[in-house]
Amino acid sequence: MATIAAGGQISKREEGSLQFSVLIEDLSRFHSFAGTDSLGGRATLQGTIAGKLDSLAVTGTVSAKSVTYQTVTLDTLDCRLDMTMIDSVLGGEIFLDARSINAGGFVIDSITAATTFPDGAIRS
């Protein structure tokens, strides 16, 4: 289903660091999370969570290949995120690059997007 590896520690009192990686060989096994029976592909997530529980920094990447979701397919999807959460306030940046997209017959060579969440824009 998925291979998960993690190492390190995060605590409430001391600075720490936790590295993680997740390899999903077959995204179709996660179709119920996506709310569809039509999900496929392969994905890898890697990252680091650093700091204390009340002030975390998260950096990571998501890479996916041969993704299908209902009538949309894409060859590659790469995402990078640099986020912070301090006292339940989220901020940071997300970058996305998708290549060779077919959305119900409409073909797109690539899509690149970036968004920034100023500190305080999102609260949990």
Protein backbone atom coordinates (compact mmCIF):
# COMPACT_ATOMS: atom_id res chain seq x y z
CA MET A 1 0.00 0.00 0.00
CA ALA A 2 2.55 2.61 1.15
CA THR A 3 6.08 2.56 2.49
CA ILE A 4 6.62 5.08 5.30
CA ALA A 5 9.90 5.97 6.96
CA ALA A 6 10.51 8.57 9.64
CA GLY A 7 13.31 9.47 11.98
CA GLY A 8 13.88 12.11 14.63
CA GLN A 9 11.68 13.73 17.22
CA ILE A 10 9.58 16.80 17.93
CA SER A 11 8.66 17.85 21.45
CA LYS A 12 6.86 20.63 23.25
CA ARG A 13 9.90 21.82 25.22
CA GLU A 14 12.95 21.32 23.00
CA GLU A 15 13.82 22.08 19.39
CA GLY A 16 13.75 18.94 17.30
CA SER A 17 13.66 17.62 13.79
CA LEU A 18 11.70 14.81 12.14
CA GLN A 19 12.50 13.60 8.63
CA PHE A 20 9.89 11.58 6.77
CA SER A 21 9.32 9.88 3.43
CA VAL A 22 6.30 8.12 1.99
CA LEU A 23 6.29 6.04 -1.18
CA ILE A 24 2.92 5.14 -2.64
CA GLU A 25 3.39 2.67 -5.50
CA ASP A 26 -0.31 2.57 -6.43
CA LEU A 27 -2.52 5.61 -5.76
CA SER A 28 -5.64 3.61 -6.69
CA ARG A 29 -5.57 2.08 -3.22
CA PHE A 30 -6.36 5.54 -1.83
CA HIS A 31 -9.40 6.20 -4.03
CA SER A 32 -11.78 6.44 -1.06
CA PHE A 33 -9.79 9.39 0.35
CA ALA A 34 -10.17 11.17 -3.01
CA GLY A 35 -13.89 10.40 -3.19
CA THR A 36 -13.66 8.59 -6.54
CA ASP A 37 -13.08 5.13 -7.95
CA SER A 38 -10.91 6.64 -10.68
CA LEU A 39 -7.52 7.38 -9.14
CA GLY A 40 -4.15 6.05 -10.24
CA GLY A 41 -0.43 6.72 -10.39
CA ARG A 42 2.56 6.68 -8.11
CA ALA A 43 3.68 9.31 -5.57
CA THR A 44 6.59 10.10 -3.27
CA LEU A 45 6.47 12.54 -0.36
CA GLN A 46 9.61 13.64 1.47
CA GLY A 47 10.21 16.32 4.03
CA THR A 48 11.35 17.65 7.34
CA ILE A 49 9.40 19.02 10.29
CA ALA A 50 11.57 21.11 12.60
CA GLY A 51 11.11 23.17 15.76
CA LYS A 52 8.87 22.72 18.80
CA LEU A 53 5.21 21.69 18.77
CA ASP A 54 4.05 25.31 19.06
CA SER A 55 6.44 26.63 16.37
CA LEU A 56 7.01 24.23 13.49
CA ALA A 57 8.64 24.65 10.10
CA VAL A 58 7.73 22.12 7.42
CA THR A 59 9.66 21.73 4.17
CA GLY A 60 8.93 19.03 1.70
CA THR A 61 8.34 17.76 -1.79
CA VAL A 62 5.66 15.71 -3.48
CA SER A 63 6.43 13.99 -6.78
CA ALA A 64 3.85 11.98 -8.69
CA LYS A 65 3.96 10.10 -11.98
CA SER A 66 1.25 8.83 -14.35
CA VAL A 67 -1.54 10.35 -12.25
CA THR A 68 -5.17 9.76 -13.18
CA TYR A 69 -8.17 11.32 -11.45
CA GLN A 70 -11.54 10.75 -13.10
CA THR A 71 -11.12 12.22 -16.64
CA VAL A 72 -7.84 14.04 -15.89
CA THR A 73 -4.42 12.51 -16.47
CA LEU A 74 -0.98 13.99 -16.05
CA ASP A 75 2.47 12.66 -16.69
CA THR A 76 4.30 14.33 -13.80
CA LEU A 77 3.40 16.47 -10.82
CA ASP A 78 6.02 18.11 -8.64
CA CYS A 79 5.20 20.20 -5.60
CA ARG A 80 7.43 21.93 -3.07
CA LEU A 81 6.27 23.50 0.15
CA ASP A 82 7.90 25.68 2.78
CA MET A 83 5.46 26.30 5.61
CA THR A 84 5.53 27.46 9.23
CA MET A 85 2.96 27.03 11.96
CA ILE A 86 3.47 29.22 15.01
CA ASP A 87 0.80 29.22 17.73
CA SER A 88 -1.71 27.66 15.27
CA VAL A 89 -1.03 30.35 12.63
CA LEU A 90 0.02 28.97 9.24
CA GLY A 91 2.22 30.78 6.71
CA GLY A 92 4.54 29.91 3.86
CA GLU A 93 4.77 29.06 0.18
CA ILE A 94 3.66 26.25 -2.12
CA PHE A 95 5.07 25.71 -5.63
CA LEU A 96 3.46 23.36 -8.17
CA ASP A 97 4.53 22.11 -11.59
CA ALA A 98 2.39 19.70 -13.64
CA ARG A 99 3.36 18.36 -17.08
CA SER A 100 1.52 16.66 -19.96
CA ILE A 101 -2.03 17.17 -18.71
CA ASN A 102 -5.10 15.79 -20.46
CA ALA A 103 -8.37 17.03 -19.00
CA GLY A 104 -11.21 15.29 -20.81
CA GLY A 105 -9.52 15.69 -24.19
CA PHE A 106 -8.18 19.20 -23.55
CA VAL A 107 -4.38 18.86 -23.65
CA ILE A 108 -2.08 21.19 -21.70
CA ASP A 109 1.72 21.00 -21.98
CA SER A 110 2.43 22.32 -18.47
CA ILE A 111 1.05 24.31 -15.56
CA THR A 112 3.24 26.08 -13.05
CA ALA A 113 1.79 27.81 -10.01
CA ALA A 114 2.99 29.35 -6.77
CA THR A 115 1.13 30.77 -3.83
CA THR A 116 2.21 32.51 -0.66
CA PHE A 117 0.31 32.45 2.60
CA PRO A 118 1.36 35.45 4.70
CA ASP A 119 1.77 34.61 8.38
CA GLY A 120 -1.68 34.87 9.93
CA ALA A 121 -3.62 34.31 6.68
CA ILE A 122 -4.65 30.81 7.76
CA ARG A 123 -5.53 29.87 11.33
CA SER A 124 -6.29 26.38 12.59
